[in-house]
Amino acid sequence: TLSALEATLRIYLEPERAVKEIPVLAMLTS
């Protein structure tokens, strides 16, 4: 859980990348 959460949080350091690479955000914003 910690490894997955850390990797997910690291993506948020670049918001534009987060919208594309985090599946939930990509599905909601398509």
All heavy atoms as atom14 arrays in JSON, in Angstrom:
{
  "sequence": "TLSALEATLRIYLEPERAVKEIPVLAMLTS",
  "atom14_mask": [
    [1, 1, 1, 1, 1, 1, 1, 0, 0, 0, 0, 0, 0, 0],
    [1, 1, 1, 1, 1, 1, 1, 1, 0, 0, 0, 0, 0, 0],
    [1, 1, 1, 1, 1, 1, 0, 0, 0, 0, 0, 0, 0, 0],
    [1, 1, 1, 1, 1, 0, 0, 0, 0, 0, 0, 0, 0, 0],
    [1, 1, 1, 1, 1, 1, 1, 1, 0, 0, 0, 0, 0, 0],
    [1, 1, 1, 1, 1, 1, 1, 1, 1, 0, 0, 0, 0, 0],
    [1, 1, 1, 1, 1, 0, 0, 0, 0, 0, 0, 0, 0, 0],
    [1, 1, 1, 1, 1, 1, 1, 0, 0, 0, 0, 0, 0, 0],
    [1, 1, 1, 1, 1, 1, 1, 1, 0, 0, 0, 0, 0, 0],
    [1, 1, 1, 1, 1, 1, 1, 1, 1, 1, 1, 0, 0, 0],
    [1, 1, 1, 1, 1, 1, 1, 1, 0, 0, 0, 0, 0, 0],
    [1, 1, 1, 1, 1, 1, 1, 1, 1, 1, 1, 1, 0, 0],
    [1, 1, 1, 1, 1, 1, 1, 1, 0, 0, 0, 0, 0, 0],
    [1, 1, 1, 1, 1, 1, 1, 1, 1, 0, 0, 0, 0, 0],
    [1, 1, 1, 1, 1, 1, 1, 0, 0, 0, 0, 0, 0, 0],
    [1, 1, 1, 1, 1, 1, 1, 1, 1, 0, 0, 0, 0, 0],
    [1, 1, 1, 1, 1, 1, 1, 1, 1, 1, 1, 0, 0, 0],
    [1, 1, 1, 1, 1, 0, 0, 0, 0, 0, 0, 0, 0, 0],
    [1, 1, 1, 1, 1, 1, 1, 0, 0, 0, 0, 0, 0, 0],
    [1, 1, 1, 1, 1, 1, 1, 1, 1, 0, 0, 0, 0, 0],
    [1, 1, 1, 1, 1, 1, 1, 1, 1, 0, 0, 0, 0, 0],
    [1, 1, 1, 1, 1, 1, 1, 1, 0, 0, 0, 0, 0, 0],
    [1, 1, 1, 1, 1, 1, 1, 0, 0, 0, 0, 0, 0, 0],
    [1, 1, 1, 1, 1, 1, 1, 0, 0, 0, 0, 0, 0, 0],
    [1, 1, 1, 1, 1, 1, 1, 1, 0, 0, 0, 0, 0, 0],
    [1, 1, 1, 1, 1, 0, 0, 0, 0, 0, 0, 0, 0, 0],
    [1, 1, 1, 1, 1, 1, 1, 1, 0, 0, 0, 0, 0, 0],
    [1, 1, 1, 1, 1, 1, 1, 1, 0, 0, 0, 0, 0, 0],
    [1, 1, 1, 1, 1, 1, 1, 0, 0, 0, 0, 0, 0, 0],
    [1, 1, 1, 1, 1, 1, 0, 0, 0, 0, 0, 0, 0, 0]
  ],
  "atom14_positions": [
    [[0.83, -1.2, 0.0], [0.0, 0.0, 0.0], [0.86, 1.26, 0.0], [0.61, 2.2, -0.75], [-0.94, 0.0, 1.21], [-1.79, -1.15, 1.16], [-1.79, 1.26, 1.25], [0.0, 0.0, 0.0], [0.0, 0.0, 0.0], [0.0, 0.0, 0.0], [0.0, 0.0, 0.0], [0.0, 0.0, 0.0], [0.0, 0.0, 0.0], [0.0, 0.0, 0.0]],
    [[1.87, 1.27, 0.85], [2.74, 2.44, 0.93], [3.49, 2.68, -0.37], [3.64, 3.83, -0.82], [3.73, 2.27, 2.07], [3.14, 2.39, 3.49], [4.16, 1.95, 4.53], [2.68, 3.82, 3.76], [0.0, 0.0, 0.0], [0.0, 0.0, 0.0], [0.0, 0.0, 0.0], [0.0, 0.0, 0.0], [0.0, 0.0, 0.0], [0.0, 0.0, 0.0]],
    [[3.94, 1.62, -1.02], [4.67, 1.79, -2.27], [3.76, 2.35, -3.36], [4.17, 3.24, -4.11], [5.28, 0.45, -2.72], [4.27, -0.51, -2.99], [0.0, 0.0, 0.0], [0.0, 0.0, 0.0], [0.0, 0.0, 0.0], [0.0, 0.0, 0.0], [0.0, 0.0, 0.0], [0.0, 0.0, 0.0], [0.0, 0.0, 0.0], [0.0, 0.0, 0.0]],
    [[2.54, 1.83, -3.44], [1.6, 2.33, -4.46], [1.17, 3.76, -4.17], [1.05, 4.58, -5.09], [0.37, 1.42, -4.52], [0.0, 0.0, 0.0], [0.0, 0.0, 0.0], [0.0, 0.0, 0.0], [0.0, 0.0, 0.0], [0.0, 0.0, 0.0], [0.0, 0.0, 0.0], [0.0, 0.0, 0.0], [0.0, 0.0, 0.0], [0.0, 0.0, 0.0]],
    [[0.94, 4.07, -2.9], [0.53, 5.43, -2.55], [1.64, 6.43, -2.83], [1.4, 7.51, -3.39], [0.13, 5.49, -1.07], [-0.33, 6.84, -0.55], [-1.55, 7.33, -1.31], [-0.62, 6.77, 0.95], [0.0, 0.0, 0.0], [0.0, 0.0, 0.0], [0.0, 0.0, 0.0], [0.0, 0.0, 0.0], [0.0, 0.0, 0.0], [0.0, 0.0, 0.0]],
    [[2.87, 6.1, -2.47], [3.98, 7.0, -2.73], [4.14, 7.27, -4.22], [4.35, 8.42, -4.65], [5.27, 6.43, -2.16], [6.48, 7.35, -2.36], [7.75, 6.81, -1.74], [7.78, 5.64, -1.34], [8.73, 7.58, -1.66], [0.0, 0.0, 0.0], [0.0, 0.0, 0.0], [0.0, 0.0, 0.0], [0.0, 0.0, 0.0], [0.0, 0.0, 0.0]],
    [[4.05, 6.22, -5.04], [4.2, 6.4, -6.48], [3.07, 7.26, -7.05], [3.29, 8.09, -7.93], [4.21, 5.03, -7.17], [0.0, 0.0, 0.0], [0.0, 0.0, 0.0], [0.0, 0.0, 0.0], [0.0, 0.0, 0.0], [0.0, 0.0, 0.0], [0.0, 0.0, 0.0], [0.0, 0.0, 0.0], [0.0, 0.0, 0.0], [0.0, 0.0, 0.0]],
    [[1.86, 7.08, -6.52], [0.72, 7.88, -6.98], [0.9, 9.34, -6.6], [0.67, 10.25, -7.41], [-0.59, 7.33, -6.38], [-0.74, 5.96, -6.72], [-1.78, 8.11, -6.9], [0.0, 0.0, 0.0], [0.0, 0.0, 0.0], [0.0, 0.0, 0.0], [0.0, 0.0, 0.0], [0.0, 0.0, 0.0], [0.0, 0.0, 0.0], [0.0, 0.0, 0.0]],
    [[1.3, 9.58, -5.36], [1.49, 10.96, -4.89], [2.58, 11.66, -5.69], [2.48, 12.86, -5.99], [1.85, 10.97, -3.41], [0.75, 10.51, -2.44], [1.31, 10.36, -1.03], [-0.41, 11.5, -2.45], [0.0, 0.0, 0.0], [0.0, 0.0, 0.0], [0.0, 0.0, 0.0], [0.0, 0.0, 0.0], [0.0, 0.0, 0.0], [0.0, 0.0, 0.0]],
    [[3.62, 10.92, -6.06], [4.72, 11.53, -6.81], [4.25, 12.06, -8.17], [4.77, 13.07, -8.67], [5.85, 10.51, -6.98], [7.21, 11.15, -7.3], [8.32, 10.13, -7.19], [8.47, 9.61, -5.83], [9.06, 10.28, -4.85], [9.57, 11.47, -5.08], [9.18, 9.74, -3.65], [0.0, 0.0, 0.0], [0.0, 0.0, 0.0], [0.0, 0.0, 0.0]],
    [[3.27, 11.4, -8.76], [2.74, 11.87, -10.05], [2.1, 13.24, -9.88], [2.15, 14.08, -10.79], [1.71, 10.85, -10.59], [2.37, 9.49, -10.84], [1.09, 11.36, -11.89], [1.39, 8.4, -11.24], [0.0, 0.0, 0.0], [0.0, 0.0, 0.0], [0.0, 0.0, 0.0], [0.0, 0.0, 0.0], [0.0, 0.0, 0.0], [0.0, 0.0, 0.0]],
    [[1.5, 13.49, -8.72], [0.81, 14.77, -8.48], [1.75, 15.96, -8.43], [1.29, 17.12, -8.47], [0.01, 14.7, -7.18], [-1.35, 14.06, -7.34], [-1.57, 12.75, -6.97], [-2.43, 14.78, -7.86], [-2.81, 12.15, -7.11], [-3.68, 14.2, -8.0], [-3.86, 12.89, -7.62], [-5.1, 12.31, -7.77], [0.0, 0.0, 0.0], [0.0, 0.0, 0.0]],
    [[3.04, 15.73, -8.35], [3.98, 16.85, -8.38], [3.91, 17.57, -9.72], [4.32, 18.73, -9.83], [5.4, 16.33, -8.12], [5.65, 15.73, -6.73], [7.05, 15.14, -6.65], [5.44, 16.78, -5.64], [0.0, 0.0, 0.0], [0.0, 0.0, 0.0], [0.0, 0.0, 0.0], [0.0, 0.0, 0.0], [0.0, 0.0, 0.0], [0.0, 0.0, 0.0]],
    [[3.41, 16.89, -10.74], [3.18, 17.49, -12.06], [1.7, 17.33, -12.39], [1.28, 16.3, -12.94], [4.03, 16.81, -13.13], [5.52, 16.85, -12.86], [6.31, 16.05, -13.89], [6.37, 16.5, -15.06], [6.83, 14.98, -13.54], [0.0, 0.0, 0.0], [0.0, 0.0, 0.0], [0.0, 0.0, 0.0], [0.0, 0.0, 0.0], [0.0, 0.0, 0.0]],
    [[0.86, 18.31, -12.06], [-0.6, 18.18, -12.22], [-1.05, 17.77, -13.62], [-1.98, 16.96, -13.76], [-1.1, 19.59, -11.87], [-0.08, 20.12, -10.92], [1.23, 19.59, -11.43], [0.0, 0.0, 0.0], [0.0, 0.0, 0.0], [0.0, 0.0, 0.0], [0.0, 0.0, 0.0], [0.0, 0.0, 0.0], [0.0, 0.0, 0.0], [0.0, 0.0, 0.0]],
    [[-0.42, 18.31, -14.66], [-0.81, 17.94, -16.01], [-0.56, 16.46, -16.28], [-1.34, 15.78, -16.97], [-0.06, 18.79, -17.03], [-0.45, 20.26, -17.0], [0.28, 21.07, -18.06], [1.09, 20.47, -18.81], [0.04, 22.28, -18.14], [0.0, 0.0, 0.0], [0.0, 0.0, 0.0], [0.0, 0.0, 0.0], [0.0, 0.0, 0.0], [0.0, 0.0, 0.0]],
    [[0.52, 15.94, -15.72], [0.83, 14.52, -15.85], [-0.19, 13.69, -15.07], [-0.61, 12.61, -15.51], [2.24, 14.26, -15.35], [2.68, 12.8, -15.42], [4.03, 12.6, -14.76], [4.31, 11.2, -14.52], [5.1, 10.73, -13.57], [5.73, 11.59, -12.76], [5.28, 9.44, -13.41], [0.0, 0.0, 0.0], [0.0, 0.0, 0.0], [0.0, 0.0, 0.0]],
    [[-0.6, 14.17, -13.9], [-1.54, 13.43, -13.06], [-2.86, 13.21, -13.78], [-3.43, 12.12, -13.71], [-1.77, 14.19, -11.75], [0.0, 0.0, 0.0], [0.0, 0.0, 0.0], [0.0, 0.0, 0.0], [0.0, 0.0, 0.0], [0.0, 0.0, 0.0], [0.0, 0.0, 0.0], [0.0, 0.0, 0.0], [0.0, 0.0, 0.0], [0.0, 0.0, 0.0]],
    [[-3.35, 14.22, -14.47], [-4.62, 14.1, -15.17], [-4.55, 13.05, -16.27], [-5.54, 12.39, -16.58], [-5.05, 15.47, -15.75], [-6.26, 15.34, -16.65], [-5.34, 16.44, -14.62], [0.0, 0.0, 0.0], [0.0, 0.0, 0.0], [0.0, 0.0, 0.0], [0.0, 0.0, 0.0], [0.0, 0.0, 0.0], [0.0, 0.0, 0.0], [0.0, 0.0, 0.0]],
    [[-3.38, 12.85, -16.83], [-3.22, 11.88, -17.91], [-2.9, 10.47, -17.41], [-3.36, 9.48, -17.98], [-2.12, 12.34, -18.86], [-2.42, 13.64, -19.6], [-1.25, 14.05, -20.47], [-1.52, 15.36, -21.19], [-0.35, 15.8, -22.01], [0.0, 0.0, 0.0], [0.0, 0.0, 0.0], [0.0, 0.0, 0.0], [0.0, 0.0, 0.0], [0.0, 0.0, 0.0]],
    [[-2.1, 10.37, -16.35], [-1.56, 9.08, -15.94], [-2.32, 8.39, -14.81], [-2.2, 7.18, -14.65], [-0.09, 9.22, -15.55], [0.81, 9.62, -16.72], [2.28, 9.6, -16.34], [2.62, 8.99, -15.3], [3.08, 10.18, -17.08], [0.0, 0.0, 0.0], [0.0, 0.0, 0.0], [0.0, 0.0, 0.0], [0.0, 0.0, 0.0], [0.0, 0.0, 0.0]],
    [[-3.06, 9.14, -14.02], [-3.85, 8.52, -12.96], [-5.2, 8.12, -13.57], [-5.96, 8.99, -14.0], [-4.03, 9.46, -11.76], [-2.66, 9.71, -11.12], [-5.01, 8.89, -10.75], [-2.66, 10.66, -9.97], [0.0, 0.0, 0.0], [0.0, 0.0, 0.0], [0.0, 0.0, 0.0], [0.0, 0.0, 0.0], [0.0, 0.0, 0.0], [0.0, 0.0, 0.0]],
    [[-5.48, 6.82, -13.68], [-6.64, 6.35, -14.43], [-7.96, 7.04, -14.08], [-8.73, 7.4, -14.99], [-6.68, 4.85, -14.1], [-5.25, 4.5, -13.87], [-4.67, 5.69, -13.16], [0.0, 0.0, 0.0], [0.0, 0.0, 0.0], [0.0, 0.0, 0.0], [0.0, 0.0, 0.0], [0.0, 0.0, 0.0], [0.0, 0.0, 0.0], [0.0, 0.0, 0.0]],
    [[-8.24, 7.22, -12.8], [-9.51, 7.85, -12.42], [-9.62, 9.25, -13.0], [-10.66, 9.63, -13.56], [-9.64, 7.89, -10.88], [-10.78, 8.82, -10.47], [-9.88, 6.5, -10.33], [0.0, 0.0, 0.0], [0.0, 0.0, 0.0], [0.0, 0.0, 0.0], [0.0, 0.0, 0.0], [0.0, 0.0, 0.0], [0.0, 0.0, 0.0], [0.0, 0.0, 0.0]],
    [[-8.57, 10.03, -12.87], [-8.6, 11.4, -13.4], [-8.69, 11.4, -14.91], [-9.4, 12.22, -15.51], [-7.36, 12.17, -12.94], [-7.19, 12.35, -11.43], [-5.98, 13.23, -11.13], [-8.44, 12.95, -10.8], [0.0, 0.0, 0.0], [0.0, 0.0, 0.0], [0.0, 0.0, 0.0], [0.0, 0.0, 0.0], [0.0, 0.0, 0.0], [0.0, 0.0, 0.0]],
    [[-7.99, 10.47, -15.56], [-8.05, 10.39, -17.02], [-9.45, 10.06, -17.5], [-9.94, 10.64, -18.48], [-7.05, 9.34, -17.53], [0.0, 0.0, 0.0], [0.0, 0.0, 0.0], [0.0, 0.0, 0.0], [0.0, 0.0, 0.0], [0.0, 0.0, 0.0], [0.0, 0.0, 0.0], [0.0, 0.0, 0.0], [0.0, 0.0, 0.0], [0.0, 0.0, 0.0]],
    [[-10.12, 9.14, -16.82], [-11.48, 8.76, -17.21], [-12.47, 9.9, -16.98], [-13.37, 10.13, -17.79], [-11.91, 7.51, -16.46], [-11.22, 6.24, -16.94], [-11.86, 4.72, -16.18], [-10.98, 4.74, -14.62], [0.0, 0.0, 0.0], [0.0, 0.0, 0.0], [0.0, 0.0, 0.0], [0.0, 0.0, 0.0], [0.0, 0.0, 0.0], [0.0, 0.0, 0.0]],
    [[-12.3, 10.62, -15.86], [-13.23, 11.69, -15.53], [-13.05, 12.92, -16.42], [-14.01, 13.66, -16.66], [-13.08, 12.09, -14.07], [-13.54, 11.08, -13.02], [-13.22, 11.58, -11.62], [-15.03, 10.8, -13.17], [0.0, 0.0, 0.0], [0.0, 0.0, 0.0], [0.0, 0.0, 0.0], [0.0, 0.0, 0.0], [0.0, 0.0, 0.0], [0.0, 0.0, 0.0]],
    [[-11.84, 13.14, -16.89], [-11.56, 14.38, -17.64], [-11.51, 14.19, -19.15], [-11.34, 15.16, -19.88], [-10.23, 14.99, -17.17], [-9.16, 14.05, -17.4], [-10.28, 15.32, -15.69], [0.0, 0.0, 0.0], [0.0, 0.0, 0.0], [0.0, 0.0, 0.0], [0.0, 0.0, 0.0], [0.0, 0.0, 0.0], [0.0, 0.0, 0.0], [0.0, 0.0, 0.0]],
    [[-11.64, 12.96, -19.65], [-11.65, 12.75, -21.1], [-12.84, 13.46, -21.73], [-13.94, 13.48, -21.16], [-11.73, 11.25, -21.43], [-10.56, 10.58, -21.04], [0.0, 0.0, 0.0], [0.0, 0.0, 0.0], [0.0, 0.0, 0.0], [0.0, 0.0, 0.0], [0.0, 0.0, 0.0], [0.0, 0.0, 0.0], [0.0, 0.0, 0.0], [0.0, 0.0, 0.0]]
  ]
}
